N, C-alpha and C. Protein backbone atom coordinates (compact mmCIF):
# COMPACT_ATOMS: atom_id res chain seq x y z
N MET A 1 129.40 111.46 84.92
CA MET A 1 128.74 110.41 84.16
C MET A 1 127.24 110.70 83.99
N PHE A 2 126.61 111.27 85.02
CA PHE A 2 125.18 111.54 84.97
C PHE A 2 124.86 113.02 84.78
N GLN A 3 125.86 113.84 84.46
CA GLN A 3 125.66 115.29 84.33
C GLN A 3 124.49 115.63 83.40
N ASN A 4 124.53 115.14 82.19
CA ASN A 4 123.47 115.47 81.23
C ASN A 4 122.11 114.89 81.63
N SER A 5 122.13 113.69 82.18
CA SER A 5 120.88 113.07 82.63
C SER A 5 120.26 113.86 83.79
N ALA A 6 121.10 114.32 84.72
CA ALA A 6 120.60 115.10 85.86
C ALA A 6 120.01 116.42 85.38
N LYS A 7 120.71 117.08 84.50
CA LYS A 7 120.22 118.35 83.95
C LYS A 7 118.88 118.14 83.26
N LYS A 8 118.79 117.12 82.45
CA LYS A 8 117.55 116.83 81.72
C LYS A 8 116.40 116.50 82.67
N LEU A 9 116.67 115.68 83.69
CA LEU A 9 115.64 115.31 84.66
C LEU A 9 115.09 116.54 85.37
N ILE A 10 115.98 117.40 85.84
CA ILE A 10 115.56 118.60 86.56
C ILE A 10 114.80 119.55 85.64
N LEU A 11 115.33 119.80 84.46
CA LEU A 11 114.65 120.72 83.53
C LEU A 11 113.31 120.17 83.08
N ASN A 12 113.20 118.86 82.87
CA ASN A 12 111.91 118.28 82.49
C ASN A 12 110.89 118.50 83.60
N GLY A 13 111.30 118.33 84.85
CA GLY A 13 110.40 118.56 85.97
C GLY A 13 109.95 120.01 86.03
N LEU A 14 110.87 120.93 85.82
CA LEU A 14 110.50 122.35 85.80
C LEU A 14 109.56 122.65 84.64
N GLY A 15 109.84 122.03 83.50
CA GLY A 15 108.98 122.23 82.34
C GLY A 15 107.56 121.73 82.57
N GLU A 16 107.44 120.61 83.30
CA GLU A 16 106.12 120.09 83.63
C GLU A 16 105.34 121.07 84.50
N HIS A 17 106.03 121.69 85.45
CA HIS A 17 105.38 122.65 86.35
C HIS A 17 105.07 123.97 85.66
N TRP A 18 106.02 124.48 84.90
CA TRP A 18 105.87 125.82 84.30
C TRP A 18 105.26 125.79 82.91
N GLY A 19 105.25 124.64 82.26
CA GLY A 19 104.73 124.56 80.90
C GLY A 19 105.78 124.92 79.86
N LYS A 20 106.96 125.33 80.33
CA LYS A 20 108.08 125.65 79.43
C LYS A 20 109.36 125.61 80.26
N ILE A 21 110.49 125.60 79.57
CA ILE A 21 111.78 125.58 80.25
C ILE A 21 112.54 126.84 79.88
N ASP A 22 112.96 127.59 80.89
CA ASP A 22 113.79 128.77 80.69
C ASP A 22 115.23 128.38 81.02
N TYR A 23 116.00 128.07 79.99
CA TYR A 23 117.36 127.59 80.18
C TYR A 23 118.27 128.64 80.81
N THR A 24 117.93 129.91 80.67
CA THR A 24 118.78 130.98 81.21
C THR A 24 118.69 131.08 82.73
N LYS A 25 117.64 130.50 83.32
CA LYS A 25 117.45 130.60 84.78
C LYS A 25 118.10 129.44 85.54
N ASN A 26 118.81 128.59 84.85
CA ASN A 26 119.37 127.40 85.48
C ASN A 26 120.84 127.17 85.12
N PRO A 27 121.67 128.19 85.21
CA PRO A 27 123.07 128.02 84.79
C PRO A 27 123.85 127.03 85.66
N ASP A 28 123.40 126.80 86.90
CA ASP A 28 124.09 125.85 87.77
C ASP A 28 124.05 124.43 87.21
N LEU A 29 123.10 124.16 86.34
CA LEU A 29 122.98 122.81 85.78
C LEU A 29 123.95 122.54 84.64
N ASN A 30 124.61 123.57 84.16
CA ASN A 30 125.58 123.37 83.07
C ASN A 30 126.83 122.64 83.54
N ASP A 31 127.17 122.78 84.82
CA ASP A 31 128.30 122.06 85.41
C ASP A 31 127.95 121.80 86.88
N ILE A 32 127.22 120.74 87.11
CA ILE A 32 126.71 120.44 88.44
C ILE A 32 127.85 120.21 89.43
N ALA A 33 128.89 119.51 89.02
CA ALA A 33 130.01 119.25 89.93
C ALA A 33 130.63 120.56 90.40
N LYS A 34 130.82 121.50 89.51
CA LYS A 34 131.39 122.79 89.87
C LYS A 34 130.41 123.60 90.74
N SER A 35 129.14 123.59 90.36
CA SER A 35 128.13 124.36 91.09
C SER A 35 127.96 123.87 92.51
N PHE A 36 128.11 122.58 92.73
CA PHE A 36 127.90 122.00 94.06
C PHE A 36 129.21 121.65 94.75
N LYS A 37 130.30 122.26 94.32
CA LYS A 37 131.61 121.98 94.91
C LYS A 37 131.61 122.20 96.41
N GLN A 38 130.91 123.21 96.88
CA GLN A 38 130.83 123.50 98.32
C GLN A 38 129.65 122.80 98.99
N GLY A 39 128.85 122.11 98.21
CA GLY A 39 127.65 121.47 98.75
C GLY A 39 127.65 119.98 98.51
N VAL A 40 126.44 119.45 98.39
CA VAL A 40 126.22 118.01 98.18
C VAL A 40 125.20 117.88 97.07
N PHE A 41 125.44 116.97 96.14
CA PHE A 41 124.46 116.68 95.09
C PHE A 41 124.32 115.17 95.01
N MET A 42 123.10 114.69 95.20
CA MET A 42 122.85 113.25 95.22
C MET A 42 122.00 112.82 94.04
N LEU A 43 122.22 111.57 93.66
CA LEU A 43 121.48 110.97 92.56
C LEU A 43 120.74 109.74 93.06
N GLY A 44 119.52 109.56 92.59
CA GLY A 44 118.77 108.33 92.84
C GLY A 44 118.81 107.50 91.56
N ILE A 45 119.33 106.30 91.64
CA ILE A 45 119.53 105.45 90.46
C ILE A 45 118.67 104.19 90.60
N SER A 46 117.99 103.82 89.52
CA SER A 46 117.24 102.58 89.47
C SER A 46 117.54 101.89 88.15
N ASP A 47 117.97 100.65 88.21
CA ASP A 47 118.33 99.90 87.00
C ASP A 47 119.28 100.69 86.10
N LYS A 48 120.27 101.30 86.72
CA LYS A 48 121.32 102.07 86.03
C LYS A 48 120.80 103.32 85.34
N LYS A 49 119.59 103.75 85.72
CA LYS A 49 119.01 104.98 85.15
C LYS A 49 118.77 105.97 86.27
N LEU A 50 119.03 107.22 85.97
CA LEU A 50 118.79 108.29 86.93
C LEU A 50 117.30 108.53 87.09
N VAL A 51 116.81 108.49 88.33
CA VAL A 51 115.38 108.70 88.58
C VAL A 51 115.11 109.85 89.55
N ALA A 52 116.17 110.35 90.22
CA ALA A 52 115.95 111.43 91.18
C ALA A 52 117.25 112.19 91.44
N THR A 53 117.09 113.45 91.83
CA THR A 53 118.23 114.28 92.21
C THR A 53 117.85 115.11 93.43
N GLY A 54 118.84 115.57 94.14
CA GLY A 54 118.63 116.49 95.25
C GLY A 54 119.96 117.01 95.74
N GLY A 55 119.96 118.25 96.21
CA GLY A 55 121.22 118.83 96.65
C GLY A 55 121.08 119.68 97.90
N LEU A 56 122.22 119.94 98.50
CA LEU A 56 122.34 120.83 99.64
C LEU A 56 123.39 121.88 99.30
N MET A 57 123.02 123.14 99.52
CA MET A 57 123.98 124.23 99.32
C MET A 57 124.13 124.98 100.63
N PRO A 58 125.37 125.14 101.12
CA PRO A 58 125.57 125.88 102.36
C PRO A 58 125.11 127.32 102.23
N VAL A 59 124.39 127.79 103.24
CA VAL A 59 123.98 129.19 103.33
C VAL A 59 124.88 129.88 104.36
N SER A 60 125.21 129.14 105.41
CA SER A 60 126.13 129.60 106.46
C SER A 60 126.76 128.34 107.07
N ASN A 61 127.51 128.51 108.15
CA ASN A 61 128.15 127.35 108.78
C ASN A 61 127.15 126.33 109.29
N ASP A 62 125.97 126.78 109.70
CA ASP A 62 125.01 125.84 110.27
C ASP A 62 123.69 125.74 109.52
N VAL A 63 123.57 126.41 108.37
CA VAL A 63 122.34 126.37 107.57
C VAL A 63 122.68 125.99 106.13
N ALA A 64 121.87 125.08 105.59
CA ALA A 64 121.98 124.70 104.17
C ALA A 64 120.62 124.84 103.51
N GLU A 65 120.64 125.06 102.22
CA GLU A 65 119.41 125.11 101.44
C GLU A 65 119.27 123.80 100.67
N LEU A 66 118.10 123.20 100.74
CA LEU A 66 117.82 122.00 99.97
C LEU A 66 117.31 122.46 98.60
N VAL A 67 117.99 122.01 97.56
CA VAL A 67 117.70 122.46 96.20
C VAL A 67 117.69 121.29 95.23
N ARG A 68 117.11 121.54 94.10
CA ARG A 68 117.15 120.63 92.95
C ARG A 68 116.59 119.25 93.22
N LEU A 69 115.61 119.17 94.14
CA LEU A 69 114.95 117.88 94.34
C LEU A 69 114.03 117.65 93.16
N SER A 70 114.26 116.57 92.47
CA SER A 70 113.45 116.25 91.30
C SER A 70 113.37 114.73 91.16
N VAL A 71 112.19 114.25 90.82
CA VAL A 71 111.98 112.82 90.62
C VAL A 71 111.35 112.65 89.24
N ALA A 72 111.86 111.70 88.47
CA ALA A 72 111.31 111.42 87.14
C ALA A 72 109.81 111.15 87.27
N SER A 73 109.03 111.65 86.32
CA SER A 73 107.57 111.61 86.42
C SER A 73 107.03 110.20 86.67
N HIS A 74 107.56 109.19 86.01
CA HIS A 74 107.03 107.83 86.16
C HIS A 74 107.50 107.15 87.45
N PHE A 75 108.31 107.85 88.27
CA PHE A 75 108.75 107.31 89.56
C PHE A 75 108.16 108.08 90.73
N ARG A 76 107.34 109.09 90.44
CA ARG A 76 106.76 109.89 91.51
C ARG A 76 105.68 109.11 92.26
N ARG A 77 105.45 109.55 93.51
CA ARG A 77 104.44 108.97 94.39
C ARG A 77 104.75 107.53 94.76
N LYS A 78 106.05 107.22 94.77
CA LYS A 78 106.51 105.89 95.17
C LYS A 78 107.45 105.97 96.37
N GLY A 79 107.57 107.17 96.94
CA GLY A 79 108.41 107.33 98.12
C GLY A 79 109.86 107.68 97.84
N ILE A 80 110.23 107.79 96.58
CA ILE A 80 111.63 108.06 96.23
C ILE A 80 112.04 109.46 96.68
N GLY A 81 111.20 110.45 96.43
CA GLY A 81 111.52 111.81 96.85
C GLY A 81 111.67 111.92 98.35
N ALA A 82 110.73 111.34 99.08
CA ALA A 82 110.79 111.37 100.55
C ALA A 82 112.03 110.64 101.06
N ALA A 83 112.39 109.53 100.44
CA ALA A 83 113.58 108.79 100.85
C ALA A 83 114.84 109.62 100.59
N LEU A 84 114.89 110.31 99.45
CA LEU A 84 116.04 111.15 99.14
C LEU A 84 116.13 112.33 100.11
N VAL A 85 114.99 112.91 100.46
CA VAL A 85 114.99 114.00 101.44
C VAL A 85 115.53 113.50 102.78
N LYS A 86 115.12 112.31 103.20
CA LYS A 86 115.59 111.74 104.46
C LYS A 86 117.11 111.57 104.44
N ILE A 87 117.63 111.09 103.33
CA ILE A 87 119.08 110.92 103.20
C ILE A 87 119.79 112.27 103.20
N LEU A 88 119.21 113.25 102.51
CA LEU A 88 119.81 114.59 102.50
C LEU A 88 119.82 115.20 103.90
N LEU A 89 118.74 115.02 104.66
CA LEU A 89 118.69 115.55 106.02
C LEU A 89 119.70 114.85 106.92
N SER A 90 119.86 113.56 106.77
CA SER A 90 120.85 112.83 107.54
C SER A 90 122.26 113.29 107.18
N THR A 91 122.50 113.49 105.91
CA THR A 91 123.80 113.98 105.45
C THR A 91 124.07 115.38 106.00
N ALA A 92 123.06 116.22 105.97
CA ALA A 92 123.21 117.58 106.51
C ALA A 92 123.58 117.53 107.98
N ASN A 93 122.95 116.63 108.72
CA ASN A 93 123.26 116.46 110.13
C ASN A 93 124.71 116.01 110.33
N GLU A 94 125.15 115.05 109.53
CA GLU A 94 126.53 114.56 109.61
C GLU A 94 127.53 115.66 109.31
N ILE A 95 127.20 116.54 108.38
CA ILE A 95 128.09 117.65 108.02
C ILE A 95 128.15 118.68 109.14
N GLY A 96 127.05 118.79 109.88
CA GLY A 96 127.01 119.75 110.98
C GLY A 96 126.02 120.89 110.81
N PHE A 97 125.15 120.78 109.82
CA PHE A 97 124.11 121.78 109.64
C PHE A 97 123.04 121.59 110.70
N ASN A 98 122.51 122.69 111.22
CA ASN A 98 121.45 122.64 112.22
C ASN A 98 120.07 122.91 111.63
N LYS A 99 120.06 123.57 110.47
CA LYS A 99 118.78 123.95 109.87
C LYS A 99 118.90 123.82 108.35
N ILE A 100 117.82 123.34 107.76
CA ILE A 100 117.71 123.26 106.31
C ILE A 100 116.57 124.17 105.89
N VAL A 101 116.80 124.99 104.88
CA VAL A 101 115.77 125.87 104.35
C VAL A 101 115.52 125.52 102.89
N LEU A 102 114.36 125.91 102.42
CA LEU A 102 114.04 125.74 101.00
C LEU A 102 112.89 126.65 100.64
N GLU A 103 112.68 126.79 99.35
CA GLU A 103 111.55 127.57 98.86
C GLU A 103 110.93 126.85 97.67
N THR A 104 109.66 127.11 97.48
CA THR A 104 108.96 126.58 96.31
C THR A 104 107.89 127.59 95.90
N THR A 105 107.37 127.41 94.73
CA THR A 105 106.33 128.29 94.22
C THR A 105 105.03 128.05 94.98
N SER A 106 104.39 129.12 95.41
CA SER A 106 103.20 129.02 96.27
C SER A 106 102.01 128.33 95.61
N THR A 107 101.94 128.34 94.30
CA THR A 107 100.81 127.69 93.62
C THR A 107 100.99 126.19 93.48
N TRP A 108 102.16 125.67 93.80
CA TRP A 108 102.42 124.24 93.69
C TRP A 108 101.97 123.56 94.97
N LYS A 109 100.68 123.44 95.15
CA LYS A 109 100.10 122.91 96.39
C LYS A 109 100.58 121.49 96.70
N ASN A 110 100.70 120.65 95.68
CA ASN A 110 101.16 119.27 95.93
C ASN A 110 102.61 119.26 96.42
N VAL A 111 103.42 120.19 95.94
CA VAL A 111 104.81 120.28 96.39
C VAL A 111 104.86 120.82 97.83
N ILE A 112 104.04 121.81 98.13
CA ILE A 112 103.96 122.33 99.50
C ILE A 112 103.54 121.22 100.46
N ASN A 113 102.54 120.45 100.08
CA ASN A 113 102.11 119.33 100.92
C ASN A 113 103.20 118.29 101.08
N PHE A 114 103.99 118.07 100.04
CA PHE A 114 105.11 117.14 100.13
C PHE A 114 106.10 117.59 101.19
N TRP A 115 106.49 118.88 101.15
CA TRP A 115 107.47 119.38 102.13
C TRP A 115 106.92 119.30 103.54
N LEU A 116 105.65 119.61 103.71
CA LEU A 116 105.04 119.49 105.04
C LEU A 116 105.07 118.05 105.51
N SER A 117 104.80 117.11 104.61
CA SER A 117 104.80 115.69 104.97
C SER A 117 106.20 115.19 105.31
N CYS A 118 107.23 115.88 104.85
CA CYS A 118 108.62 115.52 105.16
C CYS A 118 109.10 116.16 106.47
N GLY A 119 108.21 116.90 107.13
CA GLY A 119 108.57 117.48 108.42
C GLY A 119 109.03 118.92 108.37
N PHE A 120 109.00 119.53 107.21
CA PHE A 120 109.37 120.94 107.10
C PHE A 120 108.22 121.81 107.60
N LYS A 121 108.57 122.95 108.15
CA LYS A 121 107.59 123.93 108.64
C LYS A 121 107.63 125.15 107.72
N GLN A 122 106.45 125.61 107.34
CA GLN A 122 106.38 126.81 106.52
C GLN A 122 106.75 128.01 107.39
N THR A 123 107.65 128.86 106.89
CA THR A 123 108.08 130.03 107.66
C THR A 123 107.42 131.31 107.18
N HIS A 124 107.29 131.47 105.87
CA HIS A 124 106.69 132.69 105.34
C HIS A 124 106.45 132.57 103.84
N ILE A 125 105.70 133.53 103.34
CA ILE A 125 105.46 133.65 101.90
C ILE A 125 105.99 135.01 101.48
N GLU A 126 106.73 135.01 100.40
CA GLU A 126 107.30 136.24 99.86
C GLU A 126 106.99 136.26 98.36
N GLY A 127 106.18 137.18 97.94
CA GLY A 127 105.81 137.22 96.52
C GLY A 127 105.09 135.94 96.15
N ASP A 128 105.59 135.25 95.14
CA ASP A 128 104.99 134.00 94.67
C ASP A 128 105.62 132.75 95.28
N ASP A 129 106.50 132.94 96.26
CA ASP A 129 107.23 131.81 96.83
C ASP A 129 106.87 131.54 98.29
N THR A 130 106.84 130.26 98.64
CA THR A 130 106.62 129.82 100.01
C THR A 130 107.94 129.26 100.53
N PHE A 131 108.30 129.65 101.76
CA PHE A 131 109.58 129.27 102.35
C PHE A 131 109.36 128.32 103.51
N PHE A 132 110.30 127.39 103.67
CA PHE A 132 110.22 126.35 104.69
C PHE A 132 111.55 126.21 105.42
N GLU A 133 111.47 125.59 106.61
CA GLU A 133 112.69 125.23 107.32
C GLU A 133 112.49 123.90 108.02
N TYR A 134 113.60 123.24 108.27
CA TYR A 134 113.63 121.99 109.01
C TYR A 134 114.75 122.12 110.02
N ILE A 135 114.43 122.04 111.29
CA ILE A 135 115.42 122.14 112.35
C ILE A 135 115.96 120.76 112.67
N ILE A 136 117.26 120.58 112.52
CA ILE A 136 117.89 119.28 112.75
C ILE A 136 118.23 119.10 114.22
N LYS A 137 118.81 120.13 114.82
CA LYS A 137 119.26 120.03 116.21
C LYS A 137 118.56 121.04 117.06
């Protein structure tokens, strides 16, 4: 029901950061249910409208990657992203993951600060990307 809205929300967020959208780099968004069949994909809904997304993709039996966190521009800085991260971390714990990893672009300082404020620890920088982890157990 929200497939197209989720794709649009995520791509719009990427477009805001990059100044353009490269549709070829996001094939997982063409069929989110299929892409996240082994993972978790959550939606944040307000007044029957999609305002946020976030997902978990298994990396191994005890590690998942947090991906596709996106909040509609007019809903940012209201705690929605942090609340969704908290729910994703709780869900990861219930599933049995011990560690959550993620990466973001190193020049996105506000995004890096967001992950740090959510309790993630920076592990390393590789090329243009900064990597984080969150230990659950």
